[in-house]
Amino acid sequence: MAMTLRLTPTEERALSLLADSWGLTKADAARRAIMTAATRMLRDEEARQAAREELARYGL
């Protein structure tokens, strides 16, 4: 699903730094960051499993 993500300049810089450090596009870095946070924070097992599967795509 396509969406627009509006970021502050500080958030944009943080995303750029993540993307560069991970060797990913900003879109992929945003997806990875979301899934990483979901894995760590959510108690819902379905969400955690989806996050684990997505992170496995990145070799994490």
PDB file of N, CA and C in Angstrom:
ATOM      1  N   MET A   1       0.839  -1.167   0.000  1.00  0.00           N
ATOM      2  CA  MET A   1       0.000   0.000   0.000  1.00  0.00           C
ATOM      3  C   MET A   1       0.891   1.239   0.000  1.00  0.00           C
ATOM      4  N   ALA A   2       0.672   2.118  -0.926  1.00  0.00           N
ATOM      5  CA  ALA A   2       1.437   3.359  -1.005  1.00  0.00           C
ATOM      6  C   ALA A   2       0.884   4.370  -0.011  1.00  0.00           C
ATOM      7  N   MET A   3       1.778   5.186   0.543  1.00  0.00           N
ATOM      8  CA  MET A   3       1.357   6.249   1.445  1.00  0.00           C
ATOM      9  C   MET A   3       2.388   7.361   1.429  1.00  0.00           C
ATOM     10  N   THR A   4       1.991   8.507   1.903  1.00  0.00           N
ATOM     11  CA  THR A   4       2.885   9.642   2.040  1.00  0.00           C
ATOM     12  C   THR A   4       3.255   9.767   3.507  1.00  0.00           C
ATOM     13  N   LEU A   5       4.524   9.933   3.780  1.00  0.00           N
ATOM     14  CA  LEU A   5       5.004  10.100   5.147  1.00  0.00           C
ATOM     15  C   LEU A   5       5.617  11.487   5.261  1.00  0.00           C
ATOM     16  N   ARG A   6       5.016  12.324   6.075  1.00  0.00           N
ATOM     17  CA  ARG A   6       5.526  13.681   6.262  1.00  0.00           C
ATOM     18  C   ARG A   6       6.450  13.696   7.474  1.00  0.00           C
ATOM     19  N   LEU A   7       7.668  14.167   7.267  1.00  0.00           N
ATOM     20  CA  LEU A   7       8.674  14.186   8.320  1.00  0.00           C
ATOM     21  C   LEU A   7       9.157  15.603   8.569  1.00  0.00           C
ATOM     22  N   THR A   8       9.550  15.862   9.806  1.00  0.00           N
ATOM     23  CA  THR A   8      10.221  17.117  10.119  1.00  0.00           C
ATOM     24  C   THR A   8      11.631  17.035   9.546  1.00  0.00           C
ATOM     25  N   PRO A   9      12.324  18.151   9.435  1.00  0.00           N
ATOM     26  CA  PRO A   9      13.708  18.090   8.962  1.00  0.00           C
ATOM     27  C   PRO A   9      14.589  17.178   9.830  1.00  0.00           C
ATOM     28  N   THR A  10      14.357  17.173  11.121  1.00  0.00           N
ATOM     29  CA  THR A  10      15.137  16.315  12.015  1.00  0.00           C
ATOM     30  C   THR A  10      14.843  14.842  11.751  1.00  0.00           C
ATOM     31  N   GLU A  11      13.572  14.508  11.562  1.00  0.00           N
ATOM     32  CA  GLU A  11      13.197  13.129  11.254  1.00  0.00           C
ATOM     33  C   GLU A  11      13.743  12.699   9.898  1.00  0.00           C
ATOM     34  N   GLU A  12      13.711  13.607   8.939  1.00  0.00           N
ATOM     35  CA  GLU A  12      14.263  13.321   7.603  1.00  0.00           C
ATOM     36  C   GLU A  12      15.755  13.013   7.700  1.00  0.00           C
ATOM     37  N   ARG A  13      16.458  13.787   8.494  1.00  0.00           N
ATOM     38  CA  ARG A  13      17.902  13.559   8.681  1.00  0.00           C
ATOM     39  C   ARG A  13      18.149  12.206   9.342  1.00  0.00           C
ATOM     40  N   ALA A  14      17.367  11.890  10.358  1.00  0.00           N
ATOM     41  CA  ALA A  14      17.517  10.601  11.041  1.00  0.00           C
ATOM     42  C   ALA A  14      17.253   9.451  10.079  1.00  0.00           C
ATOM     43  N   LEU A  15      16.229   9.579   9.254  1.00  0.00           N
ATOM     44  CA  LEU A  15      15.924   8.534   8.279  1.00  0.00           C
ATOM     45  C   LEU A  15      17.054   8.391   7.267  1.00  0.00           C
ATOM     46  N   SER A  16      17.594   9.498   6.820  1.00  0.00           N
ATOM     47  CA  SER A  16      18.720   9.449   5.880  1.00  0.00           C
ATOM     48  C   SER A  16      19.925   8.753   6.502  1.00  0.00           C
ATOM     49  N   LEU A  17      20.199   9.060   7.764  1.00  0.00           N
ATOM     50  CA  LEU A  17      21.323   8.418   8.454  1.00  0.00           C
ATOM     51  C   LEU A  17      21.101   6.913   8.594  1.00  0.00           C
ATOM     52  N   LEU A  18      19.878   6.523   8.952  1.00  0.00           N
ATOM     53  CA  LEU A  18      19.570   5.090   9.035  1.00  0.00           C
ATOM     54  C   LEU A  18      19.749   4.417   7.685  1.00  0.00           C
ATOM     55  N   ALA A  19      19.187   5.023   6.655  1.00  0.00           N
ATOM     56  CA  ALA A  19      19.279   4.436   5.313  1.00  0.00           C
ATOM     57  C   ALA A  19      20.734   4.272   4.896  1.00  0.00           C
ATOM     58  N   ASP A  20      21.534   5.294   5.118  1.00  0.00           N
ATOM     59  CA  ASP A  20      22.951   5.220   4.756  1.00  0.00           C
ATOM     60  C   ASP A  20      23.673   4.135   5.549  1.00  0.00           C
ATOM     61  N   SER A  21      23.406   4.071   6.844  1.00  0.00           N
ATOM     62  CA  SER A  21      24.120   3.094   7.672  1.00  0.00           C
ATOM     63  C   SER A  21      23.701   1.664   7.354  1.00  0.00           C
ATOM     64  N   TRP A  22      22.464   1.477   6.922  1.00  0.00           N
ATOM     65  CA  TRP A  22      21.975   0.149   6.565  1.00  0.00           C
ATOM     66  C   TRP A  22      22.188  -0.180   5.098  1.00  0.00           C
ATOM     67  N   GLY A  23      22.606   0.795   4.305  1.00  0.00           N
ATOM     68  CA  GLY A  23      22.788   0.565   2.877  1.00  0.00           C
ATOM     69  C   GLY A  23      21.467   0.339   2.155  1.00  0.00           C
ATOM     70  N   LEU A  24      20.433   1.048   2.590  1.00  0.00           N
ATOM     71  CA  LEU A  24      19.092   0.886   2.033  1.00  0.00           C
ATOM     72  C   LEU A  24      18.574   2.211   1.490  1.00  0.00           C
ATOM     73  N   THR A  25      17.503   2.121   0.725  1.00  0.00           N
ATOM     74  CA  THR A  25      16.786   3.336   0.352  1.00  0.00           C
ATOM     75  C   THR A  25      16.072   3.852   1.598  1.00  0.00           C
ATOM     76  N   LYS A  26      15.650   5.107   1.542  1.00  0.00           N
ATOM     77  CA  LYS A  26      14.908   5.645   2.681  1.00  0.00           C
ATOM     78  C   LYS A  26      13.587   4.904   2.879  1.00  0.00           C
ATOM     79  N   ALA A  27      12.946   4.501   1.803  1.00  0.00           N
ATOM     80  CA  ALA A  27      11.690   3.747   1.925  1.00  0.00           C
ATOM     81  C   ALA A  27      11.933   2.418   2.638  1.00  0.00           C
ATOM     82  N   ASP A  28      12.989   1.708   2.236  1.00  0.00           N
ATOM     83  CA  ASP A  28      13.298   0.432   2.885  1.00  0.00           C
ATOM     84  C   ASP A  28      13.730   0.638   4.334  1.00  0.00           C
ATOM     85  N   ALA A  29      14.474   1.703   4.605  1.00  0.00           N
ATOM     86  CA  ALA A  29      14.899   1.988   5.976  1.00  0.00           C
ATOM     87  C   ALA A  29      13.691   2.296   6.859  1.00  0.00           C
ATOM     88  N   ALA A  30      12.731   3.035   6.331  1.00  0.00           N
ATOM     89  CA  ALA A  30      11.512   3.331   7.098  1.00  0.00           C
ATOM     90  C   ALA A  30      10.763   2.041   7.404  1.00  0.00           C
ATOM     91  N   ARG A  31      10.639   1.165   6.409  1.00  0.00           N
ATOM     92  CA  ARG A  31       9.958  -0.116   6.635  1.00  0.00           C
ATOM     93  C   ARG A  31      10.696  -0.942   7.683  1.00  0.00           C
ATOM     94  N   ARG A  32      12.014  -1.004   7.578  1.00  0.00           N
ATOM     95  CA  ARG A  32      12.785  -1.788   8.547  1.00  0.00           C
ATOM     96  C   ARG A  32      12.631  -1.205   9.948  1.00  0.00           C
ATOM     97  N   ALA A  33      12.690   0.110  10.075  1.00  0.00           N
ATOM     98  CA  ALA A  33      12.553   0.746  11.387  1.00  0.00           C
ATOM     99  C   ALA A  33      11.188   0.454  12.003  1.00  0.00           C
ATOM    100  N   ILE A  34      10.143   0.499  11.190  1.00  0.00           N
ATOM    101  CA  ILE A  34       8.796   0.206  11.684  1.00  0.00           C
ATOM    102  C   ILE A  34       8.713  -1.235  12.163  1.00  0.00           C
ATOM    103  N   MET A  35       9.217  -2.157  11.373  1.00  0.00           N
ATOM    104  CA  MET A  35       9.131  -3.564  11.738  1.00  0.00           C
ATOM    105  C   MET A  35      10.008  -3.882  12.947  1.00  0.00           C
ATOM    106  N   THR A  36      11.158  -3.242  13.054  1.00  0.00           N
ATOM    107  CA  THR A  36      12.017  -3.431  14.223  1.00  0.00           C
ATOM    108  C   THR A  36      11.303  -2.954  15.478  1.00  0.00           C
ATOM    109  N   ALA A  37      10.692  -1.779  15.411  1.00  0.00           N
ATOM    110  CA  ALA A  37       9.955  -1.255  16.562  1.00  0.00           C
ATOM    111  C   ALA A  37       8.783  -2.162  16.915  1.00  0.00           C
ATOM    112  N   ALA A  38       8.077  -2.663  15.912  1.00  0.00           N
ATOM    113  CA  ALA A  38       6.938  -3.549  16.168  1.00  0.00           C
ATOM    114  C   ALA A  38       7.391  -4.816  16.881  1.00  0.00           C
ATOM    115  N   THR A  39       8.490  -5.380  16.432  1.00  0.00           N
ATOM    116  CA  THR A  39       9.008  -6.596  17.053  1.00  0.00           C
ATOM    117  C   THR A  39       9.349  -6.365  18.515  1.00  0.00           C
ATOM    118  N   ARG A  40       9.925  -5.227  18.808  1.00  0.00           N
ATOM    119  CA  ARG A  40      10.373  -4.940  20.170  1.00  0.00           C
ATOM    120  C   ARG A  40       9.244  -4.505  21.090  1.00  0.00           C
ATOM    121  N   MET A  41       8.245  -3.829  20.555  1.00  0.00           N
ATOM    122  CA  MET A  41       7.274  -3.164  21.415  1.00  0.00           C
ATOM    123  C   MET A  41       5.904  -3.823  21.494  1.00  0.00           C
ATOM    124  N   LEU A  42       5.482  -4.474  20.442  1.00  0.00           N
ATOM    125  CA  LEU A  42       4.112  -4.979  20.420  1.00  0.00           C
ATOM    126  C   LEU A  42       3.995  -6.320  21.117  1.00  0.00           C
ATOM    127  N   ARG A  43       2.911  -6.491  21.803  1.00  0.00           N
ATOM    128  CA  ARG A  43       2.642  -7.760  22.475  1.00  0.00           C
ATOM    129  C   ARG A  43       1.774  -8.663  21.619  1.00  0.00           C
ATOM    130  N   ASP A  44       1.169  -8.111  20.601  1.00  0.00           N
ATOM    131  CA  ASP A  44       0.296  -8.882  19.724  1.00  0.00           C
ATOM    132  C   ASP A  44       1.135  -9.880  18.933  1.00  0.00           C
ATOM    133  N   GLU A  45       0.881 -11.160  19.112  1.00  0.00           N
ATOM    134  CA  GLU A  45       1.718 -12.191  18.487  1.00  0.00           C
ATOM    135  C   GLU A  45       1.644 -12.155  16.968  1.00  0.00           C
ATOM    136  N   GLU A  46       0.477 -11.849  16.413  1.00  0.00           N
ATOM    137  CA  GLU A  46       0.366 -11.771  14.957  1.00  0.00           C
ATOM    138  C   GLU A  46       1.255 -10.654  14.408  1.00  0.00           C
ATOM    139  N   ALA A  47       1.251  -9.504  15.066  1.00  0.00           N
ATOM    140  CA  ALA A  47       2.096  -8.393  14.630  1.00  0.00           C
ATOM    141  C   ALA A  47       3.569  -8.743  14.802  1.00  0.00           C
ATOM    142  N   ARG A  48       3.902  -9.386  15.906  1.00  0.00           N
ATOM    143  CA  ARG A  48       5.298  -9.777  16.140  1.00  0.00           C
ATOM    144  C   ARG A  48       5.775 -10.767  15.088  1.00  0.00           C
ATOM    145  N   GLN A  49       4.935 -11.730  14.735  1.00  0.00           N
ATOM    146  CA  GLN A  49       5.317 -12.715  13.720  1.00  0.00           C
ATOM    147  C   GLN A  49       5.509 -12.044  12.369  1.00  0.00           C
ATOM    148  N   ALA A  50       4.609 -11.141  12.007  1.00  0.00           N
ATOM    149  CA  ALA A  50       4.744 -10.417  10.740  1.00  0.00           C
ATOM    150  C   ALA A  50       6.035  -9.611  10.732  1.00  0.00           C
ATOM    151  N   ALA A  51       6.360  -8.988  11.853  1.00  0.00           N
ATOM    152  CA  ALA A  51       7.588  -8.206  11.945  1.00  0.00           C
ATOM    153  C   ALA A  51       8.810  -9.109  11.804  1.00  0.00           C
ATOM    154  N   ARG A  52       8.802 -10.256  12.471  1.00  0.00           N
ATOM    155  CA  ARG A  52       9.938 -11.183  12.363  1.00  0.00           C
ATOM    156  C   ARG A  52      10.139 -11.647  10.924  1.00  0.00           C
ATOM    157  N   GLU A  53       9.039 -11.951  10.244  1.00  0.00           N
ATOM    158  CA  GLU A  53       9.143 -12.393   8.849  1.00  0.00           C
ATOM    159  C   GLU A  53       9.700 -11.288   7.960  1.00  0.00           C
ATOM    160  N   GLU A  54       9.247 -10.071   8.180  1.00  0.00           N
ATOM    161  CA  GLU A  54       9.731  -8.948   7.374  1.00  0.00           C
ATOM    162  C   GLU A  54      11.211  -8.694   7.649  1.00  0.00           C
ATOM    163  N   LEU A  55      11.620  -8.740   8.910  1.00  0.00           N
ATOM    164  CA  LEU A  55      13.025  -8.524   9.246  1.00  0.00           C
ATOM    165  C   LEU A  55      13.908  -9.627   8.671  1.00  0.00           C
ATOM    166  N   ALA A  56      13.395 -10.832   8.580  1.00  0.00           N
ATOM    167  CA  ALA A  56      14.166 -11.932   7.997  1.00  0.00           C
ATOM    168  C   ALA A  56      14.512 -11.638   6.540  1.00  0.00           C
ATOM    169  N   ARG A  57      13.653 -10.901   5.862  1.00  0.00           N
ATOM    170  CA  ARG A  57      13.943 -10.509   4.476  1.00  0.00           C
ATOM    171  C   ARG A  57      15.219  -9.678   4.398  1.00  0.00           C
ATOM    172  N   TYR A  58      15.528  -8.950   5.470  1.00  0.00           N
ATOM    173  CA  TYR A  58      16.722  -8.109   5.502  1.00  0.00           C
ATOM    174  C   TYR A  58      17.906  -8.827   6.142  1.00  0.00           C
ATOM    175  N   GLY A  59      17.712 -10.078   6.487  1.00  0.00           N
ATOM    176  CA  GLY A  59      18.797 -10.833   7.096  1.00  0.00           C
ATOM    177  C   GLY A  59      19.037 -10.476   8.545  1.00  0.00           C
ATOM    178  N   LEU A  60      18.011  -9.995   9.225  1.00  0.00           N
ATOM    179  CA  LEU A  60      18.150  -9.623  10.637  1.00  0.00           C
ATOM    180  C   LEU A  60      17.543 -10.662  11.540  1.00  0.00           C
TER     181      LEU A  60
END
